Amino acid sequence: MSKSFERRMIRVQKRIENLTEKELLRFERWLDSQGQKVFSVKQAADFLDVCHVTIRKALKTKKLKGFQLNSMGTWRIPIEGLERFMEGAR
């Protein structure tokens, strides 16, 4: 490993150690999402060839399953949720 990579990893480790409980839960949720195929709102909109507003409305009305990573509204949509949404839309 390069020294710069090691320094970056030490900085990341220190940031993780200083997270609040709420931030740590959010971070763990994000890490869990990386093990499966998930889409952002924009990626889902591009994939389905619709406007991002359509995706956000579907998330709000729970016609599309997804989860928020933070209070700013950053959504992630699992591939399974997109597949179910497409089946229901037909």
N, C-alpha and C. Protein backbone atom coordinates (compact mmCIF):
# COMPACT_ATOMS: atom_id res chain seq x y z
N MET A 1 0.83 -1.18 0.00
CA MET A 1 0.00 0.00 0.00
C MET A 1 0.87 1.25 0.00
N SER A 2 0.41 2.25 -0.70
CA SER A 2 1.16 3.50 -0.73
C SER A 2 0.94 4.28 0.57
N LYS A 3 1.85 5.15 0.88
CA LYS A 3 1.75 5.96 2.10
C LYS A 3 0.54 6.88 2.06
N SER A 4 0.24 7.45 0.87
CA SER A 4 -0.92 8.35 0.79
C SER A 4 -2.21 7.59 1.03
N PHE A 5 -2.30 6.36 0.55
CA PHE A 5 -3.49 5.54 0.78
C PHE A 5 -3.63 5.24 2.27
N GLU A 6 -2.52 4.90 2.91
CA GLU A 6 -2.55 4.62 4.34
C GLU A 6 -2.99 5.85 5.13
N ARG A 7 -2.52 7.03 4.75
CA ARG A 7 -2.92 8.27 5.43
C ARG A 7 -4.42 8.51 5.25
N ARG A 8 -4.92 8.28 4.03
CA ARG A 8 -6.36 8.47 3.80
C ARG A 8 -7.17 7.50 4.63
N MET A 9 -6.73 6.25 4.73
CA MET A 9 -7.46 5.26 5.51
C MET A 9 -7.47 5.63 7.00
N ILE A 10 -6.37 6.19 7.50
CA ILE A 10 -6.33 6.63 8.89
C ILE A 10 -7.31 7.77 9.11
N ARG A 11 -7.38 8.72 8.16
CA ARG A 11 -8.35 9.82 8.26
C ARG A 11 -9.78 9.30 8.25
N VAL A 12 -10.07 8.34 7.38
CA VAL A 12 -11.42 7.75 7.31
C VAL A 12 -11.75 7.06 8.63
N GLN A 13 -10.79 6.31 9.15
CA GLN A 13 -11.01 5.61 10.41
C GLN A 13 -11.32 6.59 11.54
N LYS A 14 -10.59 7.70 11.60
CA LYS A 14 -10.83 8.71 12.64
C LYS A 14 -12.20 9.34 12.49
N ARG A 15 -12.61 9.59 11.23
CA ARG A 15 -13.94 10.17 11.00
C ARG A 15 -15.03 9.21 11.46
N ILE A 16 -14.85 7.93 11.17
CA ILE A 16 -15.84 6.92 11.58
C ILE A 16 -15.92 6.86 13.10
N GLU A 17 -14.78 6.90 13.75
CA GLU A 17 -14.76 6.85 15.21
C GLU A 17 -15.47 8.04 15.84
N ASN A 18 -15.52 9.18 15.16
CA ASN A 18 -16.15 10.39 15.69
C ASN A 18 -17.62 10.57 15.29
N LEU A 19 -18.19 9.59 14.60
CA LEU A 19 -19.59 9.69 14.20
C LEU A 19 -20.51 9.56 15.40
N THR A 20 -21.62 10.30 15.36
CA THR A 20 -22.64 10.13 16.38
C THR A 20 -23.33 8.80 16.13
N GLU A 21 -24.15 8.37 17.08
CA GLU A 21 -24.85 7.09 16.91
C GLU A 21 -25.76 7.12 15.68
N LYS A 22 -26.46 8.24 15.48
CA LYS A 22 -27.35 8.38 14.34
C LYS A 22 -26.57 8.33 13.03
N GLU A 23 -25.43 9.04 12.99
CA GLU A 23 -24.60 9.04 11.79
C GLU A 23 -24.01 7.66 11.54
N LEU A 24 -23.66 6.95 12.61
CA LEU A 24 -23.11 5.61 12.46
C LEU A 24 -24.15 4.65 11.89
N LEU A 25 -25.38 4.76 12.36
CA LEU A 25 -26.45 3.92 11.81
C LEU A 25 -26.66 4.20 10.33
N ARG A 26 -26.65 5.48 9.98
CA ARG A 26 -26.80 5.88 8.58
C ARG A 26 -25.65 5.32 7.75
N PHE A 27 -24.43 5.40 8.27
CA PHE A 27 -23.25 4.89 7.58
C PHE A 27 -23.35 3.37 7.40
N GLU A 28 -23.78 2.66 8.45
CA GLU A 28 -23.94 1.21 8.35
C GLU A 28 -24.98 0.84 7.30
N ARG A 29 -26.05 1.61 7.26
CA ARG A 29 -27.09 1.36 6.26
C ARG A 29 -26.53 1.55 4.85
N TRP A 30 -25.72 2.59 4.69
CA TRP A 30 -25.09 2.84 3.39
C TRP A 30 -24.16 1.69 3.04
N LEU A 31 -23.36 1.22 4.00
CA LEU A 31 -22.46 0.11 3.73
C LEU A 31 -23.24 -1.14 3.31
N ASP A 32 -24.34 -1.40 4.01
CA ASP A 32 -25.17 -2.55 3.65
C ASP A 32 -25.69 -2.43 2.23
N SER A 33 -26.03 -1.23 1.81
CA SER A 33 -26.58 -1.03 0.46
C SER A 33 -25.54 -1.30 -0.62
N GLN A 34 -24.26 -1.23 -0.26
CA GLN A 34 -23.22 -1.43 -1.26
C GLN A 34 -23.07 -2.91 -1.64
N GLY A 35 -23.60 -3.80 -0.81
CA GLY A 35 -23.52 -5.22 -1.11
C GLY A 35 -24.58 -5.68 -2.10
N GLN A 36 -25.55 -4.86 -2.37
CA GLN A 36 -26.60 -5.21 -3.31
C GLN A 36 -26.66 -4.14 -4.39
N LYS A 37 -27.35 -4.41 -5.45
CA LYS A 37 -27.46 -3.44 -6.54
C LYS A 37 -28.53 -2.43 -6.19
N VAL A 38 -28.12 -1.18 -6.03
CA VAL A 38 -29.06 -0.11 -5.73
C VAL A 38 -28.85 1.04 -6.70
N PHE A 39 -29.91 1.83 -6.87
CA PHE A 39 -29.89 2.96 -7.80
C PHE A 39 -30.19 4.24 -7.06
N SER A 40 -29.63 5.33 -7.52
CA SER A 40 -30.03 6.65 -7.05
C SER A 40 -31.32 7.02 -7.78
N VAL A 41 -31.95 8.11 -7.40
CA VAL A 41 -33.17 8.57 -8.08
C VAL A 41 -32.87 8.84 -9.55
N LYS A 42 -31.77 9.51 -9.83
CA LYS A 42 -31.42 9.83 -11.22
C LYS A 42 -31.15 8.56 -12.03
N GLN A 43 -30.42 7.61 -11.44
CA GLN A 43 -30.13 6.36 -12.14
C GLN A 43 -31.41 5.58 -12.42
N ALA A 44 -32.32 5.55 -11.44
CA ALA A 44 -33.59 4.85 -11.63
C ALA A 44 -34.41 5.52 -12.72
N ALA A 45 -34.42 6.85 -12.72
CA ALA A 45 -35.16 7.60 -13.75
C ALA A 45 -34.58 7.32 -15.13
N ASP A 46 -33.26 7.32 -15.24
CA ASP A 46 -32.62 7.01 -16.52
C ASP A 46 -32.92 5.58 -16.95
N PHE A 47 -32.86 4.65 -16.01
CA PHE A 47 -33.11 3.24 -16.29
C PHE A 47 -34.53 3.02 -16.80
N LEU A 48 -35.50 3.70 -16.17
CA LEU A 48 -36.91 3.54 -16.55
C LEU A 48 -37.34 4.52 -17.64
N ASP A 49 -36.44 5.42 -18.01
CA ASP A 49 -36.71 6.44 -19.03
C ASP A 49 -37.90 7.31 -18.64
N VAL A 50 -37.86 7.79 -17.38
CA VAL A 50 -38.88 8.71 -16.88
C VAL A 50 -38.16 9.88 -16.21
N CYS A 51 -38.93 10.88 -15.82
CA CYS A 51 -38.39 12.05 -15.12
C CYS A 51 -38.10 11.68 -13.66
N HIS A 52 -37.10 12.33 -13.08
CA HIS A 52 -36.76 12.07 -11.68
C HIS A 52 -37.92 12.41 -10.76
N VAL A 53 -38.77 13.34 -11.17
CA VAL A 53 -39.94 13.71 -10.36
C VAL A 53 -40.89 12.52 -10.24
N THR A 54 -41.03 11.75 -11.30
CA THR A 54 -41.87 10.56 -11.29
C THR A 54 -41.36 9.56 -10.26
N ILE A 55 -40.04 9.38 -10.21
CA ILE A 55 -39.44 8.45 -9.24
C ILE A 55 -39.69 8.95 -7.82
N ARG A 56 -39.48 10.24 -7.59
CA ARG A 56 -39.69 10.80 -6.25
C ARG A 56 -41.15 10.66 -5.80
N LYS A 57 -42.09 10.89 -6.72
CA LYS A 57 -43.52 10.73 -6.39
C LYS A 57 -43.83 9.27 -6.06
N ALA A 58 -43.26 8.35 -6.82
CA ALA A 58 -43.49 6.93 -6.57
C ALA A 58 -42.92 6.52 -5.21
N LEU A 59 -41.78 7.08 -4.84
CA LEU A 59 -41.20 6.80 -3.52
C LEU A 59 -42.09 7.38 -2.42
N LYS A 60 -42.57 8.61 -2.63
CA LYS A 60 -43.39 9.27 -1.62
C LYS A 60 -44.71 8.53 -1.39
N THR A 61 -45.31 8.02 -2.47
CA THR A 61 -46.57 7.30 -2.36
C THR A 61 -46.37 5.82 -2.07
N LYS A 62 -45.11 5.41 -1.93
CA LYS A 62 -44.73 4.02 -1.60
C LYS A 62 -45.10 3.03 -2.69
N LYS A 63 -45.26 3.51 -3.92
CA LYS A 63 -45.46 2.61 -5.05
C LYS A 63 -44.12 2.00 -5.46
N LEU A 64 -43.05 2.68 -5.06
CA LEU A 64 -41.70 2.23 -5.33
C LEU A 64 -40.98 2.13 -3.99
N LYS A 65 -40.39 0.96 -3.74
CA LYS A 65 -39.69 0.73 -2.48
C LYS A 65 -38.27 1.26 -2.56
N GLY A 66 -37.88 2.02 -1.55
CA GLY A 66 -36.53 2.55 -1.45
C GLY A 66 -36.26 2.96 -0.02
N PHE A 67 -35.07 3.48 0.22
CA PHE A 67 -34.75 3.95 1.56
C PHE A 67 -33.90 5.21 1.46
N GLN A 68 -34.02 6.05 2.48
CA GLN A 68 -33.26 7.30 2.51
C GLN A 68 -31.97 7.09 3.29
N LEU A 69 -30.89 7.61 2.73
CA LEU A 69 -29.60 7.52 3.40
C LEU A 69 -29.43 8.62 4.44
N ASN A 70 -30.08 9.75 4.23
CA ASN A 70 -29.92 10.86 5.17
C ASN A 70 -31.16 11.74 5.16
N SER A 71 -31.16 12.71 6.04
CA SER A 71 -32.32 13.60 6.16
C SER A 71 -32.43 14.58 4.99
N MET A 72 -31.41 14.67 4.17
CA MET A 72 -31.43 15.56 3.00
C MET A 72 -32.24 14.96 1.85
N GLY A 73 -32.66 13.72 1.99
CA GLY A 73 -33.49 13.11 0.96
C GLY A 73 -32.74 12.29 -0.05
N THR A 74 -31.52 11.86 0.25
CA THR A 74 -30.77 11.01 -0.66
C THR A 74 -31.36 9.61 -0.62
N TRP A 75 -32.01 9.23 -1.71
CA TRP A 75 -32.70 7.94 -1.79
C TRP A 75 -31.85 6.91 -2.50
N ARG A 76 -32.02 5.65 -2.12
CA ARG A 76 -31.45 4.51 -2.82
C ARG A 76 -32.59 3.53 -3.05
N ILE A 77 -32.61 2.98 -4.26
CA ILE A 77 -33.69 2.09 -4.66
C ILE A 77 -33.06 0.74 -5.06
N PRO A 78 -33.38 -0.32 -4.33
CA PRO A 78 -32.84 -1.63 -4.70
C PRO A 78 -33.39 -2.09 -6.05
N ILE A 79 -32.61 -2.89 -6.75
CA ILE A 79 -33.03 -3.39 -8.06
C ILE A 79 -34.35 -4.15 -7.95
N GLU A 80 -34.56 -4.84 -6.83
CA GLU A 80 -35.82 -5.59 -6.64
C GLU A 80 -37.01 -4.64 -6.61
N GLY A 81 -36.83 -3.47 -6.00
CA GLY A 81 -37.90 -2.47 -5.95
C GLY A 81 -38.23 -1.95 -7.35
N LEU A 82 -37.20 -1.75 -8.16
CA LEU A 82 -37.44 -1.30 -9.54
C LEU A 82 -38.17 -2.37 -10.35
N GLU A 83 -37.77 -3.63 -10.16
CA GLU A 83 -38.41 -4.72 -10.90
C GLU A 83 -39.90 -4.81 -10.54
N ARG A 84 -40.19 -4.72 -9.22
CA ARG A 84 -41.60 -4.77 -8.80
C ARG A 84 -42.39 -3.57 -9.33
N PHE A 85 -41.78 -2.41 -9.33
CA PHE A 85 -42.42 -1.21 -9.84
C PHE A 85 -42.72 -1.36 -11.32
N MET A 86 -41.80 -1.91 -12.08
CA MET A 86 -42.01 -2.09 -13.53
C MET A 86 -43.11 -3.11 -13.78
N GLU A 87 -43.17 -4.17 -12.99
CA GLU A 87 -44.23 -5.17 -13.17
C GLU A 87 -45.59 -4.58 -12.87
N GLY A 88 -45.67 -3.73 -11.83
CA GLY A 88 -46.93 -3.10 -11.46
C GLY A 88 -47.35 -2.03 -12.44
N ALA A 89 -46.39 -1.41 -13.12
CA ALA A 89 -46.69 -0.34 -14.07
C ALA A 89 -47.23 -0.87 -15.38
N ARG A 90 -47.01 -2.13 -15.64
CA ARG A 90 -47.48 -2.70 -16.91
C ARG A 90 -48.93 -3.08 -16.88
